Protein backbone atom coordinates (compact mmCIF):
# COMPACT_ATOMS: atom_id res chain seq x y z
CA MET A 1 162.72 0.38 -48.81
CA ARG A 2 159.34 -1.35 -49.09
CA GLN A 3 159.40 -4.48 -51.25
CA LYS A 4 157.42 -4.25 -54.46
CA ARG A 5 154.31 -6.39 -54.82
CA GLU A 6 153.61 -8.76 -57.68
CA PHE A 7 150.82 -7.45 -59.89
CA LYS A 8 148.08 -10.09 -60.14
CA ARG A 9 147.15 -10.71 -63.73
CA PRO A 10 144.02 -12.67 -64.69
CA SER A 11 144.70 -16.39 -64.71
CA HIS A 12 142.62 -17.49 -67.70
CA GLN A 13 145.03 -17.39 -70.65
CA ARG A 14 146.46 -14.10 -69.41
CA GLU A 15 148.84 -15.15 -66.67
CA LEU A 16 151.72 -14.45 -69.04
CA ALA A 17 150.01 -11.59 -70.85
CA LYS A 18 151.86 -8.36 -71.45
CA LEU A 19 150.72 -5.65 -69.05
CA PHE A 20 149.79 -2.17 -70.29
CA VAL A 21 149.41 0.33 -67.44
CA ILE A 22 147.53 3.44 -68.58
CA ALA A 23 147.17 6.74 -66.74
CA THR A 24 144.64 9.08 -68.34
CA GLU A 25 143.78 12.73 -67.96
CA GLY A 26 140.06 12.06 -68.21
CA SER A 27 138.51 9.96 -65.47
CA GLU A 28 135.53 8.56 -67.41
CA THR A 29 135.64 8.34 -71.21
CA GLU A 30 139.21 7.10 -71.56
CA LYS A 31 138.82 4.59 -68.74
CA GLN A 32 135.70 3.10 -70.31
CA TYR A 33 137.32 2.90 -73.73
CA PHE A 34 140.51 1.16 -72.68
CA GLU A 35 138.93 -1.20 -70.18
CA ALA A 36 136.54 -2.37 -72.90
CA LEU A 37 139.57 -3.42 -74.96
CA ASN A 38 140.64 -5.85 -72.24
CA SER A 39 138.53 -8.58 -73.80
CA THR A 40 139.85 -8.16 -77.36
CA ASN A 41 143.31 -9.72 -77.06
CA PRO A 42 144.24 -12.58 -74.69
CA ARG A 43 147.93 -11.69 -74.98
CA VAL A 44 147.33 -8.31 -73.39
CA HIS A 45 146.13 -7.16 -69.98
CA ILE A 46 145.13 -3.52 -69.52
CA LYS A 47 145.23 -1.72 -66.19
CA VAL A 48 143.74 1.79 -66.21
CA LEU A 49 144.83 3.72 -63.13
CA GLU A 50 142.20 5.62 -61.18
CA ARG A 51 142.65 9.14 -59.90
CA LEU A 52 141.56 9.62 -56.32
CA ASP A 53 141.12 13.39 -56.77
CA THR A 54 140.11 15.83 -59.51
CA ALA A 55 143.66 17.00 -60.27
CA SER A 56 144.26 16.19 -63.96
CA SER A 57 147.35 18.16 -64.96
CA PRO A 58 149.83 16.15 -67.09
CA SER A 59 152.31 16.12 -64.19
CA ARG A 60 149.69 14.76 -61.76
CA VAL A 61 148.66 12.07 -64.24
CA LEU A 62 152.34 11.16 -64.68
CA LYS A 63 152.60 10.67 -60.92
CA LEU A 64 150.03 7.87 -61.15
CA LEU A 65 152.48 5.90 -63.28
CA ASP A 66 155.34 6.67 -60.90
CA ASP A 67 153.32 5.46 -57.92
CA PHE A 68 152.31 2.25 -59.68
CA LYS A 69 155.89 1.52 -60.69
CA LYS A 70 157.05 2.03 -57.10
CA GLU A 71 154.44 -0.36 -55.74
CA PHE A 72 154.42 -3.21 -58.25
CA LYS A 73 156.97 -5.38 -59.98
CA LEU A 74 156.93 -5.10 -63.75
CA ARG A 75 157.98 -7.82 -66.13
CA LYS A 76 160.24 -7.27 -69.09
CA GLY A 77 158.13 -5.93 -71.93
CA ASP A 78 155.39 -4.41 -69.78
CA GLU A 79 154.56 -0.85 -70.80
CA LEU A 80 153.40 2.27 -68.95
CA TRP A 81 151.44 4.83 -70.95
CA LEU A 82 150.47 8.44 -70.29
CA VAL A 83 147.29 9.45 -72.17
CA ILE A 84 146.76 13.21 -72.05
CA ASP A 85 145.21 16.11 -74.00
CA ARG A 86 147.10 19.04 -75.46
CA ASP A 87 144.29 21.42 -74.42
CA TYR A 88 145.79 24.84 -75.18
CA GLN A 89 143.22 26.41 -72.87
CA SER A 90 144.66 24.63 -69.83
CA TRP A 91 148.26 23.46 -70.23
CA LYS A 92 151.28 25.54 -71.24
CA GLU A 93 153.74 24.17 -73.78
CA LYS A 94 156.45 24.21 -71.10
CA GLU A 95 154.50 21.77 -68.92
CA ILE A 96 153.78 19.42 -71.81
CA SER A 97 157.45 19.53 -72.81
CA GLU A 98 158.63 18.73 -69.28
CA VAL A 99 156.24 15.80 -69.01
CA ALA A 100 157.27 14.46 -72.42
CA GLN A 101 160.91 14.64 -71.40
CA LEU A 102 160.21 12.84 -68.13
CA CYS A 103 158.35 10.08 -69.95
CA GLN A 104 161.35 9.58 -72.21
CA GLN A 105 163.74 9.46 -69.24
CA LYS A 106 161.56 7.00 -67.29
CA GLY A 107 160.86 4.71 -70.22
CA TYR A 108 157.16 5.58 -70.33
CA PHE A 109 155.15 6.07 -73.50
CA MET A 110 153.05 9.19 -74.15
CA ALA A 111 149.91 9.35 -76.30
CA LEU A 112 148.84 12.97 -76.59
CA SER A 113 145.69 14.07 -78.38
CA ASN A 114 145.42 17.52 -79.91
CA PRO A 115 143.06 18.95 -78.82
CA CYS A 116 141.54 16.06 -76.81
CA PHE A 117 140.86 12.33 -76.56
CA GLU A 118 137.41 12.73 -78.10
CA LEU A 119 139.08 13.44 -81.45
CA TRP A 120 140.18 9.78 -81.36
CA LEU A 121 136.54 8.77 -80.97
CA ILE A 122 135.49 10.90 -83.93
CA LEU A 123 138.06 9.14 -86.12
CA HIS A 124 136.11 5.90 -85.63
CA LEU A 125 132.90 7.42 -86.90
CA GLU A 126 133.60 9.80 -89.77
CA TYR A 127 136.10 10.16 -92.60
CA LEU A 128 138.23 13.28 -92.24
CA CYS A 129 137.70 14.08 -95.92
CA ASN A 130 134.04 14.68 -95.10
CA PHE A 131 134.94 17.65 -92.91
CA SER A 132 135.40 21.06 -94.50
CA GLU A 133 138.53 23.10 -93.79
CA GLU A 134 136.45 25.31 -91.55
CA GLU A 135 135.17 22.31 -89.59
CA LEU A 136 138.71 20.92 -89.21
CA HIS A 137 139.81 24.25 -87.76
CA LYS A 138 136.87 24.16 -85.39
CA LEU A 139 137.84 20.64 -84.30
CA PHE A 140 141.33 21.87 -83.55
CA ASP A 141 140.18 24.98 -81.67
CA ASN A 142 137.40 23.06 -79.89
CA GLN A 143 135.72 26.15 -78.56
CA ALA A 144 132.64 26.00 -76.35
CA VAL A 145 129.36 25.96 -78.24
CA ASN A 146 127.35 26.40 -75.05
CA LYS A 147 127.93 26.20 -71.30
CA ASN A 148 127.82 22.39 -71.33
CA LYS A 149 129.80 21.27 -74.37
CA ASN A 150 132.64 22.08 -76.74
CA PHE A 151 132.61 21.75 -80.53
CA ILE A 152 134.00 18.21 -80.49
CA ASP A 153 131.31 17.09 -78.04
CA LYS A 154 128.69 18.53 -80.40
CA VAL A 155 130.20 16.65 -83.37
CA LEU A 156 130.14 13.39 -81.44
CA GLU A 157 126.58 14.05 -80.36
CA ASP A 158 125.54 14.58 -83.97
CA LEU A 159 127.40 11.53 -85.28
CA LEU A 160 125.95 9.24 -82.61
CA SER A 161 122.53 10.87 -82.30
CA GLY A 162 123.44 11.49 -78.69
CA TYR A 163 126.67 11.20 -76.73
CA ASN A 164 127.24 10.75 -73.01
CA LYS A 165 130.89 10.68 -71.96
CA THR A 166 129.99 8.98 -68.68
CA ASN A 167 128.32 6.09 -70.51
CA LEU A 168 130.41 5.19 -73.55
CA LYS A 169 128.79 2.57 -75.77
CA MET A 170 131.79 0.69 -77.09
CA GLU A 171 129.76 -1.24 -79.63
CA GLU A 172 129.55 2.06 -81.52
CA PHE A 173 133.35 2.25 -81.76
CA THR A 174 134.89 -1.23 -81.65
CA PRO A 175 134.00 -2.21 -85.26
CA PHE A 176 135.81 0.88 -86.54
CA ILE A 177 139.07 0.82 -84.55
CA LYS A 178 141.18 0.06 -87.62
CA LEU A 179 139.63 3.04 -89.44
CA ALA A 180 140.52 5.28 -86.49
CA ILE A 181 144.10 4.01 -86.51
CA LYS A 182 144.41 4.59 -90.26
CA GLN A 183 143.05 8.13 -90.01
CA ALA A 184 145.19 9.02 -86.98
CA LYS A 185 148.28 7.81 -88.83
CA SER A 186 147.42 10.03 -91.78
CA LEU A 187 147.45 13.07 -89.46
CA ASP A 188 150.75 12.13 -87.83
CA ILE A 189 153.17 13.50 -90.40
CA ASN A 190 156.01 14.50 -88.04
CA LEU A 191 156.79 11.30 -86.18
CA LYS A 192 160.06 12.67 -84.80
CA ASP A 193 158.18 15.32 -82.79
CA ARG A 194 157.38 14.31 -79.23
CA TRP A 195 153.76 15.34 -79.73
CA GLN A 196 151.55 16.71 -82.49
CA ASP A 197 151.19 20.48 -82.76
CA ASP A 198 148.44 20.15 -85.34
CA LEU A 199 145.12 18.31 -85.22
CA GLY A 200 145.85 14.70 -84.33
CA THR A 201 146.18 11.99 -81.73
CA ARG A 202 148.81 9.37 -80.96
CA VAL A 203 146.37 7.17 -79.11
CA TYR A 204 146.58 5.02 -82.23
CA GLN A 205 150.11 3.97 -81.24
CA LEU A 206 148.79 2.47 -78.02
CA VAL A 207 145.59 0.95 -79.42
CA GLU A 208 147.39 -0.67 -82.32
CA LYS A 209 149.57 -2.54 -79.83
CA LEU A 210 146.60 -3.51 -77.69
CA ILE A 211 144.71 -5.16 -80.53
CA THR A 212 147.55 -6.68 -82.60
CA LEU A 213 150.28 -7.75 -80.15
């Protein structure tokens, strides 16, 4: 068996920092968001794993965590997180359930967004009470509005007067992280469930640790 390597953490004040290893379904937006948080808390170091292919099923994203754990030594208290979308149009409930069960067995954490990670971004920018019931349903369904974007993309575009998921401007979100956490918590009314069936995101559980540990 190949000996595990020591993961090199930044030396300046972070040598003893707690490591958060994050595998995400999206290859651009999520990575930019979490890597930007690396500078917010000296007690935390964030490692976002990169996919080397376009396969983004929950099981393939889970494998990224497995591979990292096989290669590197982890210290007591380090955490591995799976950040995925519910995305009814792509993933069956059976696959989500299997991945959630595997995370529990392996000691990983899972932060699922329903319908997608971009809902978490919206929670930074607008109060949920300002959306009508019809708009909330549209957020949940997240249907395509044209060949290039879904409803949630359109909402973000309107809120930001332009939105490019490949070039996230974190200064538009960082001041409002606590608002996003508060709003996400208000949506999470069934904490015993392994994921949210209704509109919501458990990314707040990860981000709250990253900024307050």
